[in-house]
Full PDB file with SEQRES, HELIX, SHEET, SSBOND, CRYST1, ORIGX, SCALE, CONECT and MASTER records, all heavy atoms in Angstrom:
SEQRES   1 A   42  MET ASP ILE ASP ARG PRO ARG LEU ALA LYS ASP LEU HIS          
SEQRES   2 A   42  GLN VAL TYR LEU LYS MET CYS LEU VAL ASP GLY VAL PHE          
SEQRES   3 A   42  HIS GLY ASP PRO HIS PRO GLY ASN VAL ALA VAL GLN PRO          
SEQRES   4 A   42  ASP GLY THR                                                  
HELIX    1 AA1 ARG A    5  LYS A   18  1                                  14    
HELIX    2 AA2 MET A   19  ASP A   23  3                                   5    
HELIX    3 AA3 PRO A   32  ASN A   34  5                                   3    
CRYST1    1.000    1.000    1.000  90.00  90.00  90.00 P 1           1          
ORIGX1      1.000000  0.000000  0.000000        0.00000                         
ORIGX2      0.000000  1.000000  0.000000        0.00000                         
ORIGX3      0.000000  0.000000  1.000000        0.00000                         
SCALE1      1.000000  0.000000  0.000000        0.00000                         
SCALE2      0.000000  1.000000  0.000000        0.00000                         
SCALE3      0.000000  0.000000  1.000000        0.00000                         
ATOM      1  N   MET A   1      -7.840  -2.881 -17.278  1.00  0.00           N  
ATOM      2  CA  MET A   1      -8.522  -3.401 -16.111  1.00  0.00           C  
ATOM      3  C   MET A   1     -10.062  -3.462 -16.424  1.00  0.00           C  
ATOM      4  O   MET A   1     -10.867  -3.924 -15.548  1.00  0.00           O  
ATOM      5  CB  MET A   1      -8.433  -2.493 -14.959  1.00  0.00           C  
ATOM      6  CG  MET A   1      -6.930  -2.480 -14.360  1.00  0.00           C  
ATOM      7  SD  MET A   1      -6.643  -1.016 -13.252  1.00  0.00           S  
ATOM      8  CE  MET A   1      -7.966  -1.251 -12.076  1.00  0.00           C  
ATOM      9  N   ASP A   2     -10.469  -3.060 -17.655  1.00  0.00           N  
ATOM     10  CA  ASP A   2     -11.889  -3.120 -18.078  1.00  0.00           C  
ATOM     11  C   ASP A   2     -12.793  -2.255 -17.230  1.00  0.00           C  
ATOM     12  O   ASP A   2     -13.848  -2.540 -16.898  1.00  0.00           O  
ATOM     13  CB  ASP A   2     -12.355  -4.511 -18.129  1.00  0.00           C  
ATOM     14  CG  ASP A   2     -13.679  -4.561 -18.920  1.00  0.00           C  
ATOM     15  OD1 ASP A   2     -13.775  -3.843 -19.906  1.00  0.00           O  
ATOM     16  OD2 ASP A   2     -14.472  -5.561 -18.714  1.00  0.00           O  
ATOM     17  N   ILE A   3     -12.167  -1.008 -16.860  1.00  0.00           N  
ATOM     18  CA  ILE A   3     -12.911  -0.070 -16.077  1.00  0.00           C  
ATOM     19  C   ILE A   3     -13.923   0.679 -16.970  1.00  0.00           C  
ATOM     20  O   ILE A   3     -13.630   1.121 -18.036  1.00  0.00           O  
ATOM     21  CB  ILE A   3     -11.979   1.027 -15.364  1.00  0.00           C  
ATOM     22  CG1 ILE A   3     -10.977   0.223 -14.379  1.00  0.00           C  
ATOM     23  CG2 ILE A   3     -12.772   2.081 -14.688  1.00  0.00           C  
ATOM     24  CD1 ILE A   3     -11.805  -0.405 -13.238  1.00  0.00           C  
ATOM     25  N   ASP A   4     -15.170   0.888 -16.459  1.00  0.00           N  
ATOM     26  CA  ASP A   4     -16.134   1.604 -17.322  1.00  0.00           C  
ATOM     27  C   ASP A   4     -15.882   3.127 -17.027  1.00  0.00           C  
ATOM     28  O   ASP A   4     -16.302   3.719 -16.071  1.00  0.00           O  
ATOM     29  CB  ASP A   4     -17.573   1.230 -16.788  1.00  0.00           C  
ATOM     30  CG  ASP A   4     -18.673   1.989 -17.510  1.00  0.00           C  
ATOM     31  OD1 ASP A   4     -18.366   2.929 -18.241  1.00  0.00           O  
ATOM     32  OD2 ASP A   4     -19.874   1.534 -17.319  1.00  0.00           O  
ATOM     33  N   ARG A   5     -15.136   3.721 -17.917  1.00  0.00           N  
ATOM     34  CA  ARG A   5     -14.680   5.095 -17.699  1.00  0.00           C  
ATOM     35  C   ARG A   5     -15.770   6.098 -17.683  1.00  0.00           C  
ATOM     36  O   ARG A   5     -15.723   7.029 -16.885  1.00  0.00           O  
ATOM     37  CB  ARG A   5     -13.601   5.429 -18.799  1.00  0.00           C  
ATOM     38  CG  ARG A   5     -12.296   4.701 -18.535  1.00  0.00           C  
ATOM     39  CD  ARG A   5     -11.153   5.475 -19.083  1.00  0.00           C  
ATOM     40  NE  ARG A   5     -10.860   5.089 -20.398  1.00  0.00           N  
ATOM     41  CZ  ARG A   5     -10.485   6.006 -21.411  1.00  0.00           C  
ATOM     42  NH1 ARG A   5     -10.542   7.298 -21.180  1.00  0.00           N  
ATOM     43  NH2 ARG A   5     -10.235   5.554 -22.588  1.00  0.00           N  
ATOM     44  N   PRO A   6     -16.790   6.043 -18.545  1.00  0.00           N  
ATOM     45  CA  PRO A   6     -17.973   6.935 -18.462  1.00  0.00           C  
ATOM     46  C   PRO A   6     -18.598   6.839 -17.092  1.00  0.00           C  
ATOM     47  O   PRO A   6     -19.028   7.842 -16.438  1.00  0.00           O  
ATOM     48  CB  PRO A   6     -18.822   6.560 -19.546  1.00  0.00           C  
ATOM     49  CG  PRO A   6     -17.880   5.967 -20.643  1.00  0.00           C  
ATOM     50  CD  PRO A   6     -16.835   5.178 -19.774  1.00  0.00           C  
ATOM     51  N   ARG A   7     -18.808   5.613 -16.495  1.00  0.00           N  
ATOM     52  CA  ARG A   7     -19.374   5.400 -15.259  1.00  0.00           C  
ATOM     53  C   ARG A   7     -18.432   6.022 -14.154  1.00  0.00           C  
ATOM     54  O   ARG A   7     -19.035   6.740 -13.155  1.00  0.00           O  
ATOM     55  CB  ARG A   7     -19.528   3.881 -15.000  1.00  0.00           C  
ATOM     56  CG  ARG A   7     -20.152   3.477 -13.641  1.00  0.00           C  
ATOM     57  CD  ARG A   7     -21.568   3.739 -13.596  1.00  0.00           C  
ATOM     58  NE  ARG A   7     -21.956   5.020 -12.841  1.00  0.00           N  
ATOM     59  CZ  ARG A   7     -23.167   5.434 -12.776  1.00  0.00           C  
ATOM     60  NH1 ARG A   7     -24.126   4.826 -13.399  1.00  0.00           N  
ATOM     61  NH2 ARG A   7     -23.404   6.511 -12.089  1.00  0.00           N  
ATOM     62  N   LEU A   8     -17.223   5.870 -14.213  1.00  0.00           N  
ATOM     63  CA  LEU A   8     -16.250   6.357 -13.319  1.00  0.00           C  
ATOM     64  C   LEU A   8     -16.250   7.896 -13.272  1.00  0.00           C  
ATOM     65  O   LEU A   8     -16.226   8.477 -12.119  1.00  0.00           O  
ATOM     66  CB  LEU A   8     -14.777   5.868 -13.635  1.00  0.00           C  
ATOM     67  CG  LEU A   8     -13.630   6.358 -12.767  1.00  0.00           C  
ATOM     68  CD1 LEU A   8     -13.875   6.020 -11.303  1.00  0.00           C  
ATOM     69  CD2 LEU A   8     -12.306   5.937 -13.339  1.00  0.00           C  
ATOM     70  N   ALA A   9     -16.256   8.594 -14.439  1.00  0.00           N  
ATOM     71  CA  ALA A   9     -16.272   9.973 -14.466  1.00  0.00           C  
ATOM     72  C   ALA A   9     -17.587  10.463 -13.865  1.00  0.00           C  
ATOM     73  O   ALA A   9     -17.485  11.496 -13.025  1.00  0.00           O  
ATOM     74  CB  ALA A   9     -16.219  10.437 -15.971  1.00  0.00           C  
ATOM     75  N   LYS A  10     -18.710   9.840 -14.092  1.00  0.00           N  
ATOM     76  CA  LYS A  10     -19.946  10.299 -13.504  1.00  0.00           C  
ATOM     77  C   LYS A  10     -19.958  10.075 -11.988  1.00  0.00           C  
ATOM     78  O   LYS A  10     -20.371  11.061 -11.251  1.00  0.00           O  
ATOM     79  CB  LYS A  10     -21.125   9.536 -14.168  1.00  0.00           C  
ATOM     80  CG  LYS A  10     -22.451  10.050 -13.729  1.00  0.00           C  
ATOM     81  CD  LYS A  10     -23.661   9.359 -14.480  1.00  0.00           C  
ATOM     82  CE  LYS A  10     -24.968   9.938 -14.074  1.00  0.00           C  
ATOM     83  NZ  LYS A  10     -26.160   9.278 -14.753  1.00  0.00           N  
ATOM     84  N   ASP A  11     -19.426   8.957 -11.593  1.00  0.00           N  
ATOM     85  CA  ASP A  11     -19.448   8.746 -10.166  1.00  0.00           C  
ATOM     86  C   ASP A  11     -18.569   9.734  -9.378  1.00  0.00           C  
ATOM     87  O   ASP A  11     -18.973  10.260  -8.444  1.00  0.00           O  
ATOM     88  CB  ASP A  11     -18.904   7.320  -9.861  1.00  0.00           C  
ATOM     89  CG  ASP A  11     -19.755   6.215 -10.242  1.00  0.00           C  
ATOM     90  OD1 ASP A  11     -20.966   6.465 -10.357  1.00  0.00           O  
ATOM     91  OD2 ASP A  11     -19.332   4.917 -10.254  1.00  0.00           O  
ATOM     92  N   LEU A  12     -17.382  10.005  -9.930  1.00  0.00           N  
ATOM     93  CA  LEU A  12     -16.472  10.998  -9.317  1.00  0.00           C  
ATOM     94  C   LEU A  12     -17.125  12.365  -9.323  1.00  0.00           C  
ATOM     95  O   LEU A  12     -16.935  13.090  -8.248  1.00  0.00           O  
ATOM     96  CB  LEU A  12     -15.103  11.077 -10.066  1.00  0.00           C  
ATOM     97  CG  LEU A  12     -14.100  10.124  -9.734  1.00  0.00           C  
ATOM     98  CD1 LEU A  12     -12.976  10.008 -10.696  1.00  0.00           C  
ATOM     99  CD2 LEU A  12     -13.657  10.348  -8.286  1.00  0.00           C  
ATOM    100  N   HIS A  13     -17.796  12.784 -10.460  1.00  0.00           N  
ATOM    101  CA  HIS A  13     -18.375  14.055 -10.447  1.00  0.00           C  
ATOM    102  C   HIS A  13     -19.514  14.222  -9.463  1.00  0.00           C  
ATOM    103  O   HIS A  13     -19.557  15.201  -8.734  1.00  0.00           O  
ATOM    104  CB  HIS A  13     -19.067  14.252 -11.948  1.00  0.00           C  
ATOM    105  CG  HIS A  13     -19.455  15.689 -12.201  1.00  0.00           C  
ATOM    106  ND1 HIS A  13     -19.919  16.057 -13.384  1.00  0.00           N  
ATOM    107  CD2 HIS A  13     -19.535  16.772 -11.401  1.00  0.00           C  
ATOM    108  CE1 HIS A  13     -20.315  17.391 -13.300  1.00  0.00           C  
ATOM    109  NE2 HIS A  13     -20.065  17.748 -12.038  1.00  0.00           N  
ATOM    110  N   GLN A  14     -20.252  13.157  -9.303  1.00  0.00           N  
ATOM    111  CA  GLN A  14     -21.384  13.149  -8.298  1.00  0.00           C  
ATOM    112  C   GLN A  14     -20.843  13.136  -6.824  1.00  0.00           C  
ATOM    113  O   GLN A  14     -21.445  13.895  -5.964  1.00  0.00           O  
ATOM    114  CB  GLN A  14     -22.295  11.882  -8.509  1.00  0.00           C  
ATOM    115  CG  GLN A  14     -23.168  11.999  -9.803  1.00  0.00           C  
ATOM    116  CD  GLN A  14     -23.891  10.711  -9.992  1.00  0.00           C  
ATOM    117  OE1 GLN A  14     -23.610   9.635  -9.533  1.00  0.00           O  
ATOM    118  NE2 GLN A  14     -25.054  10.797 -10.729  1.00  0.00           N  
ATOM    119  N   VAL A  15     -19.655  12.470  -6.637  1.00  0.00           N  
ATOM    120  CA  VAL A  15     -19.133  12.439  -5.339  1.00  0.00           C  
ATOM    121  C   VAL A  15     -18.599  13.858  -4.965  1.00  0.00           C  
ATOM    122  O   VAL A  15     -18.931  14.309  -3.770  1.00  0.00           O  
ATOM    123  CB  VAL A  15     -17.891  11.480  -5.369  1.00  0.00           C  
ATOM    124  CG1 VAL A  15     -16.954  11.702  -4.161  1.00  0.00           C  
ATOM    125  CG2 VAL A  15     -18.400  10.011  -5.280  1.00  0.00           C  
ATOM    126  N   TYR A  16     -17.977  14.597  -5.883  1.00  0.00           N  
ATOM    127  CA  TYR A  16     -17.508  15.890  -5.571  1.00  0.00           C  
ATOM    128  C   TYR A  16     -18.651  16.918  -5.512  1.00  0.00           C  
ATOM    129  O   TYR A  16     -18.600  17.900  -4.662  1.00  0.00           O  
ATOM    130  CB  TYR A  16     -16.445  16.355  -6.593  1.00  0.00           C  
ATOM    131  CG  TYR A  16     -15.141  15.865  -6.184  1.00  0.00           C  
ATOM    132  CD1 TYR A  16     -14.613  14.684  -6.750  1.00  0.00           C  
ATOM    133  CD2 TYR A  16     -14.242  16.598  -5.363  1.00  0.00           C  
ATOM    134  CE1 TYR A  16     -13.311  14.186  -6.418  1.00  0.00           C  
ATOM    135  CE2 TYR A  16     -12.992  16.016  -4.947  1.00  0.00           C  
ATOM    136  CZ  TYR A  16     -12.525  14.902  -5.538  1.00  0.00           C  
ATOM    137  OH  TYR A  16     -11.380  14.400  -5.137  1.00  0.00           O  
ATOM    138  N   LEU A  17     -19.690  16.796  -6.249  1.00  0.00           N  
ATOM    139  CA  LEU A  17     -20.804  17.652  -6.118  1.00  0.00           C  
ATOM    140  C   LEU A  17     -21.509  17.421  -4.766  1.00  0.00           C  
ATOM    141  O   LEU A  17     -21.881  18.368  -4.051  1.00  0.00           O  
ATOM    142  CB  LEU A  17     -21.835  17.415  -7.212  1.00  0.00           C  
ATOM    143  CG  LEU A  17     -21.537  18.007  -8.599  1.00  0.00           C  
ATOM    144  CD1 LEU A  17     -22.471  17.504  -9.667  1.00  0.00           C  
ATOM    145  CD2 LEU A  17     -21.480  19.507  -8.563  1.00  0.00           C  
ATOM    146  N   LYS A  18     -21.614  16.108  -4.306  1.00  0.00           N  
ATOM    147  CA  LYS A  18     -22.171  15.814  -2.960  1.00  0.00           C  
ATOM    148  C   LYS A  18     -21.424  16.498  -1.946  1.00  0.00           C  
ATOM    149  O   LYS A  18     -21.914  17.108  -0.983  1.00  0.00           O  
ATOM    150  CB  LYS A  18     -22.299  14.303  -2.816  1.00  0.00           C  
ATOM    151  CG  LYS A  18     -22.894  13.873  -1.477  1.00  0.00           C  
ATOM    152  CD  LYS A  18     -22.942  12.433  -1.318  1.00  0.00           C  
ATOM    153  CE  LYS A  18     -23.610  11.959  -0.122  1.00  0.00           C  
ATOM    154  NZ  LYS A  18     -22.800  12.299   1.140  1.00  0.00           N  
ATOM    155  N   MET A  19     -20.106  16.325  -1.949  1.00  0.00           N  
ATOM    156  CA  MET A  19     -19.210  17.011  -1.051  1.00  0.00           C  
ATOM    157  C   MET A  19     -19.404  18.545  -0.973  1.00  0.00           C  
ATOM    158  O   MET A  19     -19.594  19.162   0.137  1.00  0.00           O  
ATOM    159  CB  MET A  19     -17.705  16.735  -1.246  1.00  0.00           C  
ATOM    160  CG  MET A  19     -17.322  15.290  -0.841  1.00  0.00           C  
ATOM    161  SD  MET A  19     -15.465  15.073  -0.865  1.00  0.00           S  
ATOM    162  CE  MET A  19     -15.264  14.733  -2.652  1.00  0.00           C  
ATOM    163  N   CYS A  20     -19.462  19.161  -2.050  1.00  0.00           N  
ATOM    164  CA  CYS A  20     -19.456  20.678  -2.137  1.00  0.00           C  
ATOM    165  C   CYS A  20     -20.921  21.155  -1.882  1.00  0.00           C  
ATOM    166  O   CYS A  20     -21.063  22.189  -1.155  1.00  0.00           O  
ATOM    167  CB  CYS A  20     -18.946  21.138  -3.460  1.00  0.00           C  
ATOM    168  SG  CYS A  20     -17.184  20.905  -3.652  1.00  0.00           S  
ATOM    169  N   LEU A  21     -21.987  20.521  -2.425  1.00  0.00           N  
ATOM    170  CA  LEU A  21     -23.257  21.101  -2.439  1.00  0.00           C  
ATOM    171  C   LEU A  21     -24.174  20.433  -1.380  1.00  0.00           C  
ATOM    172  O   LEU A  21     -25.097  21.091  -0.872  1.00  0.00           O  
ATOM    173  CB  LEU A  21     -24.014  20.846  -3.758  1.00  0.00           C  
ATOM    174  CG  LEU A  21     -23.328  21.569  -4.927  1.00  0.00           C  
ATOM    175  CD1 LEU A  21     -24.099  21.286  -6.199  1.00  0.00           C  
ATOM    176  CD2 LEU A  21     -23.292  23.113  -4.678  1.00  0.00           C  
ATOM    177  N   VAL A  22     -23.876  19.297  -0.852  1.00  0.00           N  
ATOM    178  CA  VAL A  22     -24.774  18.559   0.109  1.00  0.00           C  
ATOM    179  C   VAL A  22     -24.086  18.436   1.493  1.00  0.00           C  
ATOM    180  O   VAL A  22     -24.631  18.994   2.488  1.00  0.00           O  
ATOM    181  CB  VAL A  22     -25.154  17.231  -0.460  1.00  0.00           C  
ATOM    182  CG1 VAL A  22     -26.153  16.550   0.540  1.00  0.00           C  
ATOM    183  CG2 VAL A  22     -25.798  17.365  -1.765  1.00  0.00           C  
ATOM    184  N   ASP A  23     -22.978  17.812   1.502  1.00  0.00           N  
ATOM    185  CA  ASP A  23     -22.265  17.591   2.842  1.00  0.00           C  
ATOM    186  C   ASP A  23     -21.655  18.847   3.408  1.00  0.00           C  
ATOM    187  O   ASP A  23     -21.539  18.994   4.578  1.00  0.00           O  
ATOM    188  CB  ASP A  23     -21.219  16.586   2.674  1.00  0.00           C  
ATOM    189  CG  ASP A  23     -21.740  15.162   2.112  1.00  0.00           C  
ATOM    190  OD1 ASP A  23     -22.903  14.971   2.412  1.00  0.00           O  
ATOM    191  OD2 ASP A  23     -20.991  14.497   1.527  1.00  0.00           O  
ATOM    192  N   GLY A  24     -21.197  19.733   2.567  1.00  0.00           N  
ATOM    193  CA  GLY A  24     -20.511  20.914   3.053  1.00  0.00           C  
ATOM    194  C   GLY A  24     -19.110  20.825   3.530  1.00  0.00           C  
ATOM    195  O   GLY A  24     -18.592  21.692   4.180  1.00  0.00           O  
ATOM    196  N   VAL A  25     -18.539  19.664   3.180  1.00  0.00           N  
ATOM    197  CA  VAL A  25     -17.112  19.411   3.547  1.00  0.00           C  
ATOM    198  C   VAL A  25     -16.513  18.667   2.413  1.00  0.00           C  
ATOM    199  O   VAL A  25     -17.093  17.714   1.918  1.00  0.00           O  
ATOM    200  CB  VAL A  25     -16.924  18.687   4.851  1.00  0.00           C  
ATOM    201  CG1 VAL A  25     -17.670  17.343   4.873  1.00  0.00           C  
ATOM    202  CG2 VAL A  25     -15.508  18.480   5.174  1.00  0.00           C  
ATOM    203  N   PHE A  26     -15.358  19.038   1.876  1.00  0.00           N  
ATOM    204  CA  PHE A  26     -14.877  18.481   0.675  1.00  0.00           C  
ATOM    205  C   PHE A  26     -13.382  18.238   0.645  1.00  0.00           C  
ATOM    206  O   PHE A  26     -12.615  18.837   1.367  1.00  0.00           O  
ATOM    207  CB  PHE A  26     -15.189  19.371  -0.504  1.00  0.00           C  
ATOM    208  CG  PHE A  26     -14.655  20.785  -0.442  1.00  0.00           C  
ATOM    209  CD1 PHE A  26     -13.360  21.123  -0.934  1.00  0.00           C  
ATOM    210  CD2 PHE A  26     -15.290  21.807   0.281  1.00  0.00           C  
ATOM    211  CE1 PHE A  26     -12.810  22.354  -0.839  1.00  0.00           C  
ATOM    212  CE2 PHE A  26     -14.769  23.119   0.390  1.00  0.00           C  
ATOM    213  CZ  PHE A  26     -13.549  23.369  -0.209  1.00  0.00           C  
ATOM    214  N   HIS A  27     -12.963  17.353  -0.228  1.00  0.00           N  
ATOM    215  CA  HIS A  27     -11.565  16.957  -0.449  1.00  0.00           C  
ATOM    216  C   HIS A  27     -11.076  18.130  -1.363  1.00  0.00           C  
ATOM    217  O   HIS A  27     -11.529  18.260  -2.487  1.00  0.00           O  
ATOM    218  CB  HIS A  27     -11.506  15.632  -1.202  1.00  0.00           C  
ATOM    219  CG  HIS A  27     -10.122  15.201  -1.616  1.00  0.00           C  
ATOM    220  ND1 HIS A  27      -9.829  14.990  -2.963  1.00  0.00           N  
ATOM    221  CD2 HIS A  27      -8.983  14.948  -0.911  1.00  0.00           C  
ATOM    222  CE1 HIS A  27      -8.562  14.516  -3.075  1.00  0.00           C  
ATOM    223  NE2 HIS A  27      -8.044  14.521  -1.822  1.00  0.00           N  
ATOM    224  N   GLY A  28     -10.038  18.881  -0.846  1.00  0.00           N  
ATOM    225  CA  GLY A  28      -9.634  20.144  -1.588  1.00  0.00           C  
ATOM    226  C   GLY A  28      -8.580  19.996  -2.596  1.00  0.00           C  
ATOM    227  O   GLY A  28      -8.237  20.984  -3.137  1.00  0.00           O  
ATOM    228  N   ASP A  29      -8.072  18.765  -2.857  1.00  0.00           N  
ATOM    229  CA  ASP A  29      -6.918  18.702  -3.852  1.00  0.00           C  
ATOM    230  C   ASP A  29      -7.080  17.486  -4.690  1.00  0.00           C  
ATOM    231  O   ASP A  29      -6.319  16.502  -4.587  1.00  0.00           O  
ATOM    232  CB  ASP A  29      -5.596  18.600  -2.979  1.00  0.00           C  
ATOM    233  CG  ASP A  29      -4.382  18.926  -3.825  1.00  0.00           C  
ATOM    234  OD1 ASP A  29      -4.585  19.512  -4.906  1.00  0.00           O  
ATOM    235  OD2 ASP A  29      -3.243  18.578  -3.391  1.00  0.00           O  
ATOM    236  N   PRO A  30      -8.020  17.516  -5.662  1.00  0.00           N  
ATOM    237  CA  PRO A  30      -8.368  16.319  -6.391  1.00  0.00           C  
ATOM    238  C   PRO A  30      -7.487  16.272  -7.646  1.00  0.00           C  
ATOM    239  O   PRO A  30      -8.024  15.875  -8.760  1.00  0.00           O  
ATOM    240  CB  PRO A  30      -9.874  16.559  -6.757  1.00  0.00           C  
ATOM    241  CG  PRO A  30      -9.899  18.039  -6.911  1.00  0.00           C  
ATOM    242  CD  PRO A  30      -9.065  18.582  -5.809  1.00  0.00           C  
ATOM    243  N   HIS A  31      -6.232  16.590  -7.630  1.00  0.00           N  
ATOM    244  CA  HIS A  31      -5.349  16.394  -8.830  1.00  0.00           C  
ATOM    245  C   HIS A  31      -5.131  14.999  -9.067  1.00  0.00           C  
ATOM    246  O   HIS A  31      -5.371  14.125  -8.107  1.00  0.00           O  
ATOM    247  CB  HIS A  31      -4.158  17.210  -8.748  1.00  0.00           C  
ATOM    248  CG  HIS A  31      -3.120  16.765  -7.752  1.00  0.00           C  
ATOM    249  ND1 HIS A  31      -2.358  15.607  -7.935  1.00  0.00           N  
ATOM    250  CD2 HIS A  31      -2.618  17.236  -6.598  1.00  0.00           C  
ATOM    251  CE1 HIS A  31      -1.546  15.425  -6.956  1.00  0.00           C  
ATOM    252  NE2 HIS A  31      -1.649  16.359  -6.132  1.00  0.00           N  
ATOM    253  N   PRO A  32      -4.718  14.545 -10.250  1.00  0.00           N  
ATOM    254  CA  PRO A  32      -4.622  13.150 -10.551  1.00  0.00           C  
ATOM    255  C   PRO A  32      -3.767  12.261  -9.612  1.00  0.00           C  
ATOM    256  O   PRO A  32      -4.145  11.061  -9.385  1.00  0.00           O  
ATOM    257  CB  PRO A  32      -4.062  13.150 -12.025  1.00  0.00           C  
ATOM    258  CG  PRO A  32      -4.528  14.382 -12.603  1.00  0.00           C  
ATOM    259  CD  PRO A  32      -4.480  15.334 -11.376  1.00  0.00           C  
ATOM    260  N   GLY A  33      -2.833  12.759  -8.960  1.00  0.00           N  
ATOM    261  CA  GLY A  33      -2.004  12.057  -8.037  1.00  0.00           C  
ATOM    262  C   GLY A  33      -2.669  11.736  -6.711  1.00  0.00           C  
ATOM    263  O   GLY A  33      -2.224  10.862  -6.080  1.00  0.00           O  
ATOM    264  N   ASN A  34      -3.793  12.376  -6.532  1.00  0.00           N  
ATOM    265  CA  ASN A  34      -4.588  12.210  -5.329  1.00  0.00           C  
ATOM    266  C   ASN A  34      -5.831  11.352  -5.520  1.00  0.00           C  
ATOM    267  O   ASN A  34      -6.637  11.228  -4.555  1.00  0.00           O  
ATOM    268  CB  ASN A  34      -4.950  13.450  -4.579  1.00  0.00           C  
ATOM    269  CG  ASN A  34      -3.635  14.089  -3.910  1.00  0.00           C  
ATOM    270  OD1 ASN A  34      -2.673  13.397  -3.673  1.00  0.00           O  
ATOM    271  ND2 ASN A  34      -3.723  15.391  -3.687  1.00  0.00           N  
ATOM    272  N   VAL A  35      -5.995  10.882  -6.690  1.00  0.00           N  
ATOM    273  CA  VAL A  35      -7.195  10.045  -6.999  1.00  0.00           C  
ATOM    274  C   VAL A  35      -6.712   8.820  -7.728  1.00  0.00           C  
ATOM    275  O   VAL A  35      -6.057   8.921  -8.739  1.00  0.00           O  
ATOM    276  CB  VAL A  35      -8.283  10.854  -7.811  1.00  0.00           C  
ATOM    277  CG1 VAL A  35      -9.412   9.935  -8.053  1.00  0.00           C  
ATOM    278  CG2 VAL A  35      -8.615  12.173  -7.240  1.00  0.00           C  
ATOM    279  N   ALA A  36      -7.140   7.584  -7.153  1.00  0.00           N  
ATOM    280  CA  ALA A  36      -6.683   6.389  -7.790  1.00  0.00           C  
ATOM    281  C   ALA A  36      -8.009   5.544  -8.015  1.00  0.00           C  
ATOM    282  O   ALA A  36      -9.080   5.955  -7.570  1.00  0.00           O  
ATOM    283  CB  ALA A  36      -5.734   5.570  -6.956  1.00  0.00           C  
ATOM    284  N   VAL A  37      -7.881   4.416  -8.738  1.00  0.00           N  
ATOM    285  CA  VAL A  37      -9.014   3.559  -9.096  1.00  0.00           C  
ATOM    286  C   VAL A  37      -8.645   2.101  -8.700  1.00  0.00           C  
ATOM    287  O   VAL A  37      -7.589   1.577  -9.137  1.00  0.00           O  
ATOM    288  CB  VAL A  37      -9.394   3.645 -10.544  1.00  0.00           C  
ATOM    289  CG1 VAL A  37     -10.703   2.787 -10.892  1.00  0.00           C  
ATOM    290  CG2 VAL A  37      -9.509   5.090 -10.936  1.00  0.00           C  
ATOM    291  N   GLN A  38      -9.583   1.446  -8.051  1.00  0.00           N  
ATOM    292  CA  GLN A  38      -9.407   0.016  -7.688  1.00  0.00           C  
ATOM    293  C   GLN A  38      -9.937  -0.858  -8.812  1.00  0.00           C  
ATOM    294  O   GLN A  38     -10.727  -0.417  -9.665  1.00  0.00           O  
ATOM    295  CB  GLN A  38     -10.081  -0.333  -6.397  1.00  0.00           C  
ATOM    296  CG  GLN A  38      -9.391   0.364  -5.196  1.00  0.00           C  
ATOM    297  CD  GLN A  38     -10.009   0.027  -3.909  1.00  0.00           C  
ATOM    298  OE1 GLN A  38     -11.209   0.134  -3.637  1.00  0.00           O  
ATOM    299  NE2 GLN A  38      -9.185  -0.568  -2.980  1.00  0.00           N  
ATOM    300  N   PRO A  39      -9.573  -2.162  -8.831  1.00  0.00           N  
ATOM    301  CA  PRO A  39     -10.081  -3.030  -9.991  1.00  0.00           C  
ATOM    302  C   PRO A  39     -11.589  -3.125 -10.158  1.00  0.00           C  
ATOM    303  O   PRO A  39     -11.943  -3.265 -11.281  1.00  0.00           O  
ATOM    304  CB  PRO A  39      -9.460  -4.378  -9.587  1.00  0.00           C  
ATOM    305  CG  PRO A  39      -8.246  -4.059  -8.697  1.00  0.00           C  
ATOM    306  CD  PRO A  39      -8.650  -2.803  -7.930  1.00  0.00           C  
ATOM    307  N   ASP A  40     -12.336  -2.864  -9.098  1.00  0.00           N  
ATOM    308  CA  ASP A  40     -13.801  -2.939  -9.272  1.00  0.00           C  
ATOM    309  C   ASP A  40     -14.399  -1.603  -9.637  1.00  0.00           C  
ATOM    310  O   ASP A  40     -15.600  -1.471  -9.707  1.00  0.00           O  
ATOM    311  CB  ASP A  40     -14.478  -3.401  -7.979  1.00  0.00           C  
ATOM    312  CG  ASP A  40     -14.233  -2.501  -6.780  1.00  0.00           C  
ATOM    313  OD1 ASP A  40     -13.475  -1.459  -6.954  1.00  0.00           O  
ATOM    314  OD2 ASP A  40     -14.745  -2.709  -5.704  1.00  0.00           O  
ATOM    315  N   GLY A  41     -13.589  -0.565  -9.984  1.00  0.00           N  
ATOM    316  CA  GLY A  41     -14.017   0.748 -10.468  1.00  0.00           C  
ATOM    317  C   GLY A  41     -14.228   1.753  -9.206  1.00  0.00           C  
ATOM    318  O   GLY A  41     -14.616   2.879  -9.534  1.00  0.00           O  
ATOM    319  N   THR A  42     -13.913   1.358  -8.012  1.00  0.00           N  
ATOM    320  CA  THR A  42     -14.110   2.213  -6.887  1.00  0.00           C  
ATOM    321  C   THR A  42     -12.984   3.296  -6.932  1.00  0.00           C  
ATOM    322  O   THR A  42     -11.824   2.956  -7.107  1.00  0.00           O  
ATOM    323  CB  THR A  42     -13.974   1.439  -5.615  1.00  0.00           C  
ATOM    324  OG1 THR A  42     -15.138   0.493  -5.570  1.00  0.00           O  
ATOM    325  CG2 THR A  42     -14.266   2.414  -4.389  1.00  0.00           C  
TER     326      THR A  42                                                      
MASTER        0    0    0    3    0    0    0    6  325    1    0    4          
END                                                                             
């Protein structure tokens, strides 16, 4: 799909840090079956 994997890893890491450190509410089960990727890298 030509996904920019380094960009995806960084985005996901920042998303989870934001949830835990900033928002104070987080997705508690981020195993691979609960995370998918759309064609645009979202």
